[in-house]
Amino acid sequence: MTEIVGRPAAELDGVWKALSDPTRRAILDLLRARPRTTSEIVETFPRLTRFGVMKHLEVLRQAH
């Protein structure tokens, strides 16, 4: 099995999936400044519902 930066390549599939979405990258940029509540993230992305934001957050959590 190939390793990338000490992690099996297959383990990184979730990371690439998470980073492939521009909305999730924007959420990460937002969170880089400071922790935010789900409500604060929803207010920043008016096109998304709370449920949509939570789905994006779950993909990011699983990629960790």
C-alpha atoms as a PDB file:
ATOM      1  CA  MET A   1       0.000   0.000   0.000  1.00  0.00           C
ATOM      2  CA  THR A   2       1.321   3.441  -0.887  1.00  0.00           C
ATOM      3  CA  GLU A   3       1.785   5.973   1.898  1.00  0.00           C
ATOM      4  CA  ILE A   4       1.575   9.731   1.565  1.00  0.00           C
ATOM      5  CA  VAL A   5       2.908  11.810   4.446  1.00  0.00           C
ATOM      6  CA  GLY A   6       2.766   8.826   6.770  1.00  0.00           C
ATOM      7  CA  ARG A   7      -0.875   7.996   5.984  1.00  0.00           C
ATOM      8  CA  PRO A   8      -2.084   5.222   3.687  1.00  0.00           C
ATOM      9  CA  ALA A   9      -3.188   6.700   0.356  1.00  0.00           C
ATOM     10  CA  ALA A  10      -6.666   5.138   0.702  1.00  0.00           C
ATOM     11  CA  GLU A  11      -7.096   6.978   4.007  1.00  0.00           C
ATOM     12  CA  LEU A  12      -6.645  10.288   2.186  1.00  0.00           C
ATOM     13  CA  ASP A  13      -9.608   9.673  -0.144  1.00  0.00           C
ATOM     14  CA  GLY A  14     -11.942  11.339   2.378  1.00  0.00           C
ATOM     15  CA  VAL A  15      -9.630  14.338   2.634  1.00  0.00           C
ATOM     16  CA  TRP A  16      -9.595  14.828  -1.140  1.00  0.00           C
ATOM     17  CA  LYS A  17     -13.383  14.415  -1.263  1.00  0.00           C
ATOM     18  CA  ALA A  18     -13.819  17.053   1.439  1.00  0.00           C
ATOM     19  CA  LEU A  19     -11.456  19.509  -0.225  1.00  0.00           C
ATOM     20  CA  SER A  20     -12.915  19.025  -3.699  1.00  0.00           C
ATOM     21  CA  ASP A  21     -16.013  21.058  -2.857  1.00  0.00           C
ATOM     22  CA  PRO A  22     -15.626  24.872  -3.034  1.00  0.00           C
ATOM     23  CA  THR A  23     -18.229  25.420  -0.306  1.00  0.00           C
ATOM     24  CA  ARG A  24     -16.335  23.192   2.112  1.00  0.00           C
ATOM     25  CA  ARG A  25     -13.095  25.017   1.286  1.00  0.00           C
ATOM     26  CA  ALA A  26     -14.870  28.327   1.994  1.00  0.00           C
ATOM     27  CA  ILE A  27     -16.134  26.965   5.320  1.00  0.00           C
ATOM     28  CA  LEU A  28     -12.582  25.936   6.233  1.00  0.00           C
ATOM     29  CA  ASP A  29     -11.328  29.419   5.320  1.00  0.00           C
ATOM     30  CA  LEU A  30     -13.983  30.907   7.573  1.00  0.00           C
ATOM     31  CA  LEU A  31     -13.072  28.590  10.455  1.00  0.00           C
ATOM     32  CA  ARG A  32      -9.375  29.328  10.083  1.00  0.00           C
ATOM     33  CA  ALA A  33      -9.932  32.782  11.594  1.00  0.00           C
ATOM     34  CA  ARG A  34     -11.727  31.476  14.701  1.00  0.00           C
ATOM     35  CA  PRO A  35     -14.234  28.843  15.775  1.00  0.00           C
ATOM     36  CA  ARG A  36     -17.813  29.538  14.647  1.00  0.00           C
ATOM     37  CA  THR A  37     -21.188  28.218  15.620  1.00  0.00           C
ATOM     38  CA  THR A  38     -23.329  26.465  13.044  1.00  0.00           C
ATOM     39  CA  SER A  39     -25.633  29.506  13.091  1.00  0.00           C
ATOM     40  CA  GLU A  40     -22.731  31.825  12.247  1.00  0.00           C
ATOM     41  CA  ILE A  41     -21.728  29.599   9.337  1.00  0.00           C
ATOM     42  CA  VAL A  42     -25.328  29.483   8.067  1.00  0.00           C
ATOM     43  CA  GLU A  43     -25.516  33.293   8.202  1.00  0.00           C
ATOM     44  CA  THR A  44     -22.329  33.514   6.124  1.00  0.00           C
ATOM     45  CA  PHE A  45     -23.708  31.179   3.441  1.00  0.00           C
ATOM     46  CA  PRO A  46     -27.269  32.349   2.799  1.00  0.00           C
ATOM     47  CA  ARG A  47     -27.740  29.915  -0.120  1.00  0.00           C
ATOM     48  CA  LEU A  48     -27.344  26.989   2.283  1.00  0.00           C
ATOM     49  CA  THR A  49     -29.834  25.655   4.778  1.00  0.00           C
ATOM     50  CA  ARG A  50     -28.747  24.688   8.280  1.00  0.00           C
ATOM     51  CA  PHE A  51     -29.075  21.063   7.185  1.00  0.00           C
ATOM     52  CA  GLY A  52     -26.815  21.716   4.187  1.00  0.00           C
ATOM     53  CA  VAL A  53     -24.144  23.330   6.359  1.00  0.00           C
ATOM     54  CA  MET A  54     -24.304  20.428   8.796  1.00  0.00           C
ATOM     55  CA  LYS A  55     -23.823  17.931   5.959  1.00  0.00           C
ATOM     56  CA  HIS A  56     -20.732  19.839   4.796  1.00  0.00           C
ATOM     57  CA  LEU A  57     -19.394  19.939   8.359  1.00  0.00           C
ATOM     58  CA  GLU A  58     -19.879  16.183   8.706  1.00  0.00           C
ATOM     59  CA  VAL A  59     -17.875  15.527   5.517  1.00  0.00           C
ATOM     60  CA  LEU A  60     -15.104  17.719   6.929  1.00  0.00           C
ATOM     61  CA  ARG A  61     -15.216  15.917  10.284  1.00  0.00           C
ATOM     62  CA  GLN A  62     -14.965  12.521   8.637  1.00  0.00           C
ATOM     63  CA  ALA A  63     -11.986  13.676   6.592  1.00  0.00           C
ATOM     64  CA  HIS A  64     -10.035  14.515   9.725  1.00  0.00           C
END
